[in-house]
Structures are given as structure tokens and as C-alpha cells.
Amino acid sequence: MKKFLIACSIAGIVGGAAAIPAFAGEMDFTKVDANGDGIISMDEAKAAGWEWTEDQFKTADADGDGGLNADEFQVASAQ
């Protein structure tokens, strides 16, 4: 259910506009999560080759905790 809610939340935010760009960098969660804490920070995303703005990253962060968990990462990488 949580994955469904996250997907719906991001899909609702993205809507017709491409608020979340396609991935330009690494798409393996465990590789992007360099410190292994289960959350991808904006710094880790940039180090992995992502070219997102802060606003785009915040849009992908459905629960608003400041980082992407595995579910948010999966939804965002499917965009």
C-alpha cells in the first residue's frame, strides 16, 4: 500500500508537466546510497550523476524527509 501511495503522490505532483527529469546517472539504489543509510541525499544523487535541481529532488521526495528511500527512488527512476 505504501508503494502505491508514493506512486500516486508523485504521479499527482508530476501530472502533465515533467517535474522529475529522466535519470542521467546511476540507477542502482545501493550504488547511489553511498553511505548505506537507506536514504539517498541530494549530494549522493549528484555524485551518482543525477542532474536534478533541488525542486525536482523535493518533488521526488514524496514523504518530505529530505532524502529518497528505496520506494521513492523506484518511482522516480520509472519516470
PDB file of N, CA and C in Angstrom:
ATOM      1  N   MET A   1       0.827  -1.189   0.000  1.00  0.00           N
ATOM      2  CA  MET A   1       0.000   0.000   0.000  1.00  0.00           C
ATOM      3  C   MET A   1       0.870   1.251   0.000  1.00  0.00           C
ATOM      4  N   LYS A   2       1.963   1.231   0.768  1.00  0.00           N
ATOM      5  CA  LYS A   2       2.844   2.390   0.841  1.00  0.00           C
ATOM      6  C   LYS A   2       3.403   2.743  -0.537  1.00  0.00           C
ATOM      7  N   LYS A   3       3.852   1.717  -1.292  1.00  0.00           N
ATOM      8  CA  LYS A   3       4.385   1.970  -2.633  1.00  0.00           C
ATOM      9  C   LYS A   3       3.321   2.612  -3.522  1.00  0.00           C
ATOM     10  N   PHE A   4       2.093   2.132  -3.399  1.00  0.00           N
ATOM     11  CA  PHE A   4       1.002   2.682  -4.197  1.00  0.00           C
ATOM     12  C   PHE A   4       0.767   4.139  -3.850  1.00  0.00           C
ATOM     13  N   LEU A   5       0.774   4.476  -2.557  1.00  0.00           N
ATOM     14  CA  LEU A   5       0.550   5.859  -2.147  1.00  0.00           C
ATOM     15  C   LEU A   5       1.673   6.767  -2.621  1.00  0.00           C
ATOM     16  N   ILE A   6       2.897   6.291  -2.543  1.00  0.00           N
ATOM     17  CA  ILE A   6       4.025   7.088  -3.017  1.00  0.00           C
ATOM     18  C   ILE A   6       3.908   7.306  -4.520  1.00  0.00           C
ATOM     19  N   ALA A   7       3.587   6.247  -5.245  1.00  0.00           N
ATOM     20  CA  ALA A   7       3.440   6.361  -6.699  1.00  0.00           C
ATOM     21  C   ALA A   7       2.331   7.345  -7.050  1.00  0.00           C
ATOM     22  N   CYS A   8       1.213   7.264  -6.358  1.00  0.00           N
ATOM     23  CA  CYS A   8       0.107   8.179  -6.624  1.00  0.00           C
ATOM     24  C   CYS A   8       0.484   9.608  -6.269  1.00  0.00           C
ATOM     25  N   SER A   9       1.197   9.760  -5.175  1.00  0.00           N
ATOM     26  CA  SER A   9       1.620  11.089  -4.748  1.00  0.00           C
ATOM     27  C   SER A   9       2.531  11.726  -5.782  1.00  0.00           C
ATOM     28  N   ILE A  10       3.524  11.006  -6.238  1.00  0.00           N
ATOM     29  CA  ILE A  10       4.444  11.550  -7.235  1.00  0.00           C
ATOM     30  C   ILE A  10       3.730  11.753  -8.559  1.00  0.00           C
ATOM     31  N   ALA A  11       2.904  10.812  -8.951  1.00  0.00           N
ATOM     32  CA  ALA A  11       2.177  10.954 -10.206  1.00  0.00           C
ATOM     33  C   ALA A  11       1.278  12.181 -10.161  1.00  0.00           C
ATOM     34  N   GLY A  12       0.673  12.445  -9.026  1.00  0.00           N
ATOM     35  CA  GLY A  12      -0.169  13.617  -8.874  1.00  0.00           C
ATOM     36  C   GLY A  12       0.620  14.904  -8.950  1.00  0.00           C
ATOM     37  N   ILE A  13       1.799  14.900  -8.387  1.00  0.00           N
ATOM     38  CA  ILE A  13       2.648  16.087  -8.418  1.00  0.00           C
ATOM     39  C   ILE A  13       3.159  16.317  -9.832  1.00  0.00           C
ATOM     40  N   VAL A  14       3.590  15.256 -10.480  1.00  0.00           N
ATOM     41  CA  VAL A  14       4.170  15.382 -11.806  1.00  0.00           C
ATOM     42  C   VAL A  14       3.108  15.756 -12.821  1.00  0.00           C
ATOM     43  N   GLY A  15       1.960  15.088 -12.750  1.00  0.00           N
ATOM     44  CA  GLY A  15       0.868  15.383 -13.662  1.00  0.00           C
ATOM     45  C   GLY A  15       1.323  15.445 -15.105  1.00  0.00           C
ATOM     46  N   GLY A  16       0.892  16.472 -15.816  1.00  0.00           N
ATOM     47  CA  GLY A  16       1.251  16.631 -17.213  1.00  0.00           C
ATOM     48  C   GLY A  16       2.631  17.223 -17.412  1.00  0.00           C
ATOM     49  N   ALA A  17       3.151  17.888 -16.412  1.00  0.00           N
ATOM     50  CA  ALA A  17       4.473  18.516 -16.538  1.00  0.00           C
ATOM     51  C   ALA A  17       5.546  17.532 -16.136  1.00  0.00           C
ATOM     52  N   ALA A  18       6.668  17.620 -16.777  1.00  0.00           N
ATOM     53  CA  ALA A  18       7.794  16.736 -16.460  1.00  0.00           C
ATOM     54  C   ALA A  18       8.610  17.343 -15.333  1.00  0.00           C
ATOM     55  N   ALA A  19       8.069  17.295 -14.099  1.00  0.00           N
ATOM     56  CA  ALA A  19       8.750  17.881 -12.950  1.00  0.00           C
ATOM     57  C   ALA A  19       9.954  17.051 -12.537  1.00  0.00           C
ATOM     58  N   ILE A  20       9.920  15.762 -12.809  1.00  0.00           N
ATOM     59  CA  ILE A  20      11.043  14.888 -12.480  1.00  0.00           C
ATOM     60  C   ILE A  20      11.689  14.470 -13.792  1.00  0.00           C
ATOM     61  N   PRO A  21      12.931  14.867 -14.010  1.00  0.00           N
ATOM     62  CA  PRO A  21      13.577  14.526 -15.282  1.00  0.00           C
ATOM     63  C   PRO A  21      13.993  13.064 -15.330  1.00  0.00           C
ATOM     64  N   ALA A  22      14.284  12.596 -16.500  1.00  0.00           N
ATOM     65  CA  ALA A  22      14.807  11.240 -16.645  1.00  0.00           C
ATOM     66  C   ALA A  22      16.157  11.164 -15.938  1.00  0.00           C
ATOM     67  N   PHE A  23      16.493   9.989 -15.471  1.00  0.00           N
ATOM     68  CA  PHE A  23      17.769   9.793 -14.793  1.00  0.00           C
ATOM     69  C   PHE A  23      18.911   9.986 -15.774  1.00  0.00           C
ATOM     70  N   ALA A  24      19.904  10.727 -15.363  1.00  0.00           N
ATOM     71  CA  ALA A  24      21.097  10.919 -16.183  1.00  0.00           C
ATOM     72  C   ALA A  24      22.252  10.116 -15.618  1.00  0.00           C
ATOM     73  N   GLY A  25      22.077   9.590 -14.413  1.00  0.00           N
ATOM     74  CA  GLY A  25      23.175   8.898 -13.752  1.00  0.00           C
ATOM     75  C   GLY A  25      22.813   7.484 -13.338  1.00  0.00           C
ATOM     76  N   GLU A  26      23.495   7.000 -12.336  1.00  0.00           N
ATOM     77  CA  GLU A  26      23.347   5.639 -11.805  1.00  0.00           C
ATOM     78  C   GLU A  26      21.909   5.395 -11.358  1.00  0.00           C
ATOM     79  N   MET A  27      21.381   4.194 -11.645  1.00  0.00           N
ATOM     80  CA  MET A  27      20.009   3.863 -11.282  1.00  0.00           C
ATOM     81  C   MET A  27      19.911   2.709 -10.291  1.00  0.00           C
ATOM     82  N   ASP A  28      21.013   2.268  -9.722  1.00  0.00           N
ATOM     83  CA  ASP A  28      21.014   1.202  -8.727  1.00  0.00           C
ATOM     84  C   ASP A  28      21.012   1.850  -7.339  1.00  0.00           C
ATOM     85  N   PHE A  29      19.912   1.652  -6.593  1.00  0.00           N
ATOM     86  CA  PHE A  29      19.749   2.299  -5.290  1.00  0.00           C
ATOM     87  C   PHE A  29      20.955   2.087  -4.388  1.00  0.00           C
ATOM     88  N   THR A  30      21.439   0.856  -4.298  1.00  0.00           N
ATOM     89  CA  THR A  30      22.545   0.572  -3.380  1.00  0.00           C
ATOM     90  C   THR A  30      23.844   1.260  -3.794  1.00  0.00           C
ATOM     91  N   LYS A  31      24.007   1.512  -5.077  1.00  0.00           N
ATOM     92  CA  LYS A  31      25.207   2.224  -5.536  1.00  0.00           C
ATOM     93  C   LYS A  31      25.083   3.730  -5.298  1.00  0.00           C
ATOM     94  N   VAL A  32      23.895   4.260  -5.474  1.00  0.00           N
ATOM     95  CA  VAL A  32      23.687   5.689  -5.266  1.00  0.00           C
ATOM     96  C   VAL A  32      23.740   6.022  -3.777  1.00  0.00           C
ATOM     97  N   ASP A  33      23.211   5.137  -2.933  1.00  0.00           N
ATOM     98  CA  ASP A  33      23.225   5.321  -1.478  1.00  0.00           C
ATOM     99  C   ASP A  33      24.629   5.012  -0.951  1.00  0.00           C
ATOM    100  N   ALA A  34      25.548   5.935  -1.185  1.00  0.00           N
ATOM    101  CA  ALA A  34      26.974   5.717  -0.914  1.00  0.00           C
ATOM    102  C   ALA A  34      27.281   5.390   0.544  1.00  0.00           C
ATOM    103  N   ASN A  35      26.561   5.980   1.484  1.00  0.00           N
ATOM    104  CA  ASN A  35      26.858   5.714   2.894  1.00  0.00           C
ATOM    105  C   ASN A  35      26.036   4.570   3.475  1.00  0.00           C
ATOM    106  N   GLY A  36      25.153   3.980   2.676  1.00  0.00           N
ATOM    107  CA  GLY A  36      24.405   2.796   3.089  1.00  0.00           C
ATOM    108  C   GLY A  36      23.367   3.024   4.171  1.00  0.00           C
ATOM    109  N   ASP A  37      22.873   4.259   4.308  1.00  0.00           N
ATOM    110  CA  ASP A  37      21.897   4.532   5.361  1.00  0.00           C
ATOM    111  C   ASP A  37      20.442   4.298   4.943  1.00  0.00           C
ATOM    112  N   GLY A  38      20.238   3.868   3.697  1.00  0.00           N
ATOM    113  CA  GLY A  38      18.883   3.587   3.224  1.00  0.00           C
ATOM    114  C   GLY A  38      18.164   4.804   2.672  1.00  0.00           C
ATOM    115  N   ILE A  39      18.860   5.932   2.602  1.00  0.00           N
ATOM    116  CA  ILE A  39      18.291   7.176   2.091  1.00  0.00           C
ATOM    117  C   ILE A  39      19.287   7.802   1.119  1.00  0.00           C
ATOM    118  N   ILE A  40      18.795   8.258  -0.016  1.00  0.00           N
ATOM    119  CA  ILE A  40      19.656   8.941  -0.984  1.00  0.00           C
ATOM    120  C   ILE A  40      19.504  10.444  -0.788  1.00  0.00           C
ATOM    121  N   SER A  41      20.601  11.084  -0.451  1.00  0.00           N
ATOM    122  CA  SER A  41      20.604  12.536  -0.289  1.00  0.00           C
ATOM    123  C   SER A  41      20.834  13.203  -1.640  1.00  0.00           C
ATOM    124  N   MET A  42      20.608  14.496  -1.687  1.00  0.00           N
ATOM    125  CA  MET A  42      20.863  15.246  -2.913  1.00  0.00           C
ATOM    126  C   MET A  42      22.344  15.154  -3.275  1.00  0.00           C
ATOM    127  N   ASP A  43      23.229  15.211  -2.289  1.00  0.00           N
ATOM    128  CA  ASP A  43      24.668  15.103  -2.556  1.00  0.00           C
ATOM    129  C   ASP A  43      25.021  13.747  -3.160  1.00  0.00           C
ATOM    130  N   GLU A  44      24.430  12.666  -2.626  1.00  0.00           N
ATOM    131  CA  GLU A  44      24.681  11.340  -3.183  1.00  0.00           C
ATOM    132  C   GLU A  44      24.151  11.245  -4.609  1.00  0.00           C
ATOM    133  N   ALA A  45      22.993  11.843  -4.843  1.00  0.00           N
ATOM    134  CA  ALA A  45      22.406  11.827  -6.184  1.00  0.00           C
ATOM    135  C   ALA A  45      23.320  12.541  -7.180  1.00  0.00           C
ATOM    136  N   LYS A  46      23.813  13.705  -6.792  1.00  0.00           N
ATOM    137  CA  LYS A  46      24.708  14.453  -7.678  1.00  0.00           C
ATOM    138  C   LYS A  46      25.991  13.673  -7.941  1.00  0.00           C
ATOM    139  N   ALA A  47      26.534  13.041  -6.902  1.00  0.00           N
ATOM    140  CA  ALA A  47      27.762  12.254  -7.058  1.00  0.00           C
ATOM    141  C   ALA A  47      27.550  11.074  -7.999  1.00  0.00           C
ATOM    142  N   ALA A  48      26.300  10.578  -8.078  1.00  0.00           N
ATOM    143  CA  ALA A  48      25.977   9.445  -8.951  1.00  0.00           C
ATOM    144  C   ALA A  48      25.645   9.887 -10.369  1.00  0.00           C
ATOM    145  N   GLY A  49      25.709  11.185 -10.630  1.00  0.00           N
ATOM    146  CA  GLY A  49      25.490  11.679 -11.979  1.00  0.00           C
ATOM    147  C   GLY A  49      24.117  12.243 -12.262  1.00  0.00           C
ATOM    148  N   TRP A  50      23.277  12.370 -11.246  1.00  0.00           N
ATOM    149  CA  TRP A  50      21.962  12.954 -11.459  1.00  0.00           C
ATOM    150  C   TRP A  50      22.125  14.435 -11.711  1.00  0.00           C
ATOM    151  N   GLU A  51      21.279  14.978 -12.541  1.00  0.00           N
ATOM    152  CA  GLU A  51      21.329  16.394 -12.877  1.00  0.00           C
ATOM    153  C   GLU A  51      20.021  17.077 -12.483  1.00  0.00           C
ATOM    154  N   TRP A  52      19.538  16.768 -11.299  1.00  0.00           N
ATOM    155  CA  TRP A  52      18.277  17.328 -10.818  1.00  0.00           C
ATOM    156  C   TRP A  52      18.515  18.636 -10.089  1.00  0.00           C
ATOM    157  N   THR A  53      17.514  19.507 -10.126  1.00  0.00           N
ATOM    158  CA  THR A  53      17.528  20.705  -9.301  1.00  0.00           C
ATOM    159  C   THR A  53      17.008  20.319  -7.913  1.00  0.00           C
ATOM    160  N   GLU A  54      17.166  21.210  -6.964  1.00  0.00           N
ATOM    161  CA  GLU A  54      16.620  20.972  -5.621  1.00  0.00           C
ATOM    162  C   GLU A  54      15.108  20.757  -5.690  1.00  0.00           C
ATOM    163  N   ASP A  55      14.415  21.547  -6.498  1.00  0.00           N
ATOM    164  CA  ASP A  55      12.961  21.417  -6.610  1.00  0.00           C
ATOM    165  C   ASP A  55      12.560  20.055  -7.173  1.00  0.00           C
ATOM    166  N   GLN A  56      13.293  19.576  -8.166  1.00  0.00           N
ATOM    167  CA  GLN A  56      12.985  18.271  -8.746  1.00  0.00           C
ATOM    168  C   GLN A  56      13.230  17.165  -7.721  1.00  0.00           C
ATOM    169  N   PHE A  57      14.296  17.289  -6.947  1.00  0.00           N
ATOM    170  CA  PHE A  57      14.589  16.298  -5.921  1.00  0.00           C
ATOM    171  C   PHE A  57      13.494  16.316  -4.850  1.00  0.00           C
ATOM    172  N   LYS A  58      13.061  17.498  -4.443  1.00  0.00           N
ATOM    173  CA  LYS A  58      11.995  17.616  -3.442  1.00  0.00           C
ATOM    174  C   LYS A  58      10.695  17.019  -3.958  1.00  0.00           C
ATOM    175  N   THR A  59      10.426  17.154  -5.240  1.00  0.00           N
ATOM    176  CA  THR A  59       9.225  16.556  -5.826  1.00  0.00           C
ATOM    177  C   THR A  59       9.283  15.036  -5.732  1.00  0.00           C
ATOM    178  N   ALA A  60      10.438  14.465  -5.969  1.00  0.00           N
ATOM    179  CA  ALA A  60      10.601  13.009  -5.889  1.00  0.00           C
ATOM    180  C   ALA A  60      10.525  12.513  -4.451  1.00  0.00           C
ATOM    181  N   ASP A  61      10.843  13.375  -3.490  1.00  0.00           N
ATOM    182  CA  ASP A  61      10.829  13.038  -2.064  1.00  0.00           C
ATOM    183  C   ASP A  61       9.394  13.134  -1.535  1.00  0.00           C
ATOM    184  N   ALA A  62       8.590  12.128  -1.837  1.00  0.00           N
ATOM    185  CA  ALA A  62       7.154  12.142  -1.550  1.00  0.00           C
ATOM    186  C   ALA A  62       6.818  12.337  -0.079  1.00  0.00           C
ATOM    187  N   ASP A  63       7.636  11.799   0.834  1.00  0.00           N
ATOM    188  CA  ASP A  63       7.320  11.946   2.259  1.00  0.00           C
ATOM    189  C   ASP A  63       7.957  13.188   2.876  1.00  0.00           C
ATOM    190  N   GLY A  64       8.729  13.933   2.095  1.00  0.00           N
ATOM    191  CA  GLY A  64       9.283  15.198   2.550  1.00  0.00           C
ATOM    192  C   GLY A  64      10.342  15.114   3.625  1.00  0.00           C
ATOM    193  N   ASP A  65      11.023  13.964   3.721  1.00  0.00           N
ATOM    194  CA  ASP A  65      12.024  13.815   4.783  1.00  0.00           C
ATOM    195  C   ASP A  65      13.423  14.282   4.377  1.00  0.00           C
ATOM    196  N   GLY A  66      13.557  14.797   3.167  1.00  0.00           N
ATOM    197  CA  GLY A  66      14.842  15.330   2.735  1.00  0.00           C
ATOM    198  C   GLY A  66      15.720  14.367   1.963  1.00  0.00           C
ATOM    199  N   GLY A  67      15.252  13.145   1.769  1.00  0.00           N
ATOM    200  CA  GLY A  67      16.003  12.155   1.003  1.00  0.00           C
ATOM    201  C   GLY A  67      15.060  11.160   0.356  1.00  0.00           C
ATOM    202  N   LEU A  68      15.604  10.375  -0.561  1.00  0.00           N
ATOM    203  CA  LEU A  68      14.785   9.376  -1.245  1.00  0.00           C
ATOM    204  C   LEU A  68      15.015   8.006  -0.628  1.00  0.00           C
ATOM    205  N   ASN A  69      13.924   7.381  -0.177  1.00  0.00           N
ATOM    206  CA  ASN A  69      14.031   5.992   0.269  1.00  0.00           C
ATOM    207  C   ASN A  69      13.914   5.096  -0.960  1.00  0.00           C
ATOM    208  N   ALA A  70      14.010   3.799  -0.767  1.00  0.00           N
ATOM    209  CA  ALA A  70      14.009   2.869  -1.899  1.00  0.00           C
ATOM    210  C   ALA A  70      12.724   2.964  -2.723  1.00  0.00           C
ATOM    211  N   ASP A  71      11.583   3.146  -2.067  1.00  0.00           N
ATOM    212  CA  ASP A  71      10.309   3.244  -2.781  1.00  0.00           C
ATOM    213  C   ASP A  71      10.250   4.512  -3.632  1.00  0.00           C
ATOM    214  N   GLU A  72      10.656   5.638  -3.050  1.00  0.00           N
ATOM    215  CA  GLU A  72      10.647   6.897  -3.797  1.00  0.00           C
ATOM    216  C   GLU A  72      11.624   6.836  -4.971  1.00  0.00           C
ATOM    217  N   PHE A  73      12.769   6.208  -4.736  1.00  0.00           N
ATOM    218  CA  PHE A  73      13.772   6.044  -5.779  1.00  0.00           C
ATOM    219  C   PHE A  73      13.202   5.221  -6.933  1.00  0.00           C
ATOM    220  N   GLN A  74      12.516   4.136  -6.600  1.00  0.00           N
ATOM    221  CA  GLN A  74      11.949   3.265  -7.625  1.00  0.00           C
ATOM    222  C   GLN A  74      10.902   4.015  -8.456  1.00  0.00           C
ATOM    223  N   VAL A  75      10.038   4.774  -7.807  1.00  0.00           N
ATOM    224  CA  VAL A  75       9.012   5.530  -8.520  1.00  0.00           C
ATOM    225  C   VAL A  75       9.671   6.589  -9.402  1.00  0.00           C
ATOM    226  N   ALA A  76      10.646   7.308  -8.857  1.00  0.00           N
ATOM    227  CA  ALA A  76      11.299   8.376  -9.610  1.00  0.00           C
ATOM    228  C   ALA A  76      12.068   7.802 -10.802  1.00  0.00           C
ATOM    229  N   SER A  77      12.706   6.656 -10.622  1.00  0.00           N
ATOM    230  CA  SER A  77      13.501   6.085 -11.710  1.00  0.00           C
ATOM    231  C   SER A  77      12.629   5.530 -12.820  1.00  0.00           C
ATOM    232  N   ALA A  78      11.357   5.319 -12.547  1.00  0.00           N
ATOM    233  CA  ALA A  78      10.427   4.830 -13.567  1.00  0.00           C
ATOM    234  C   ALA A  78       9.895   5.971 -14.429  1.00  0.00           C
ATOM    235  N   GLN A  79      10.168   7.209 -14.049  1.00  0.00           N
ATOM    236  CA  GLN A  79       9.661   8.387 -14.778  1.00  0.00           C
ATOM    237  C   GLN A  79      10.331   8.519 -16.113  1.00  0.00           C
TER     238      GLN A  79
END
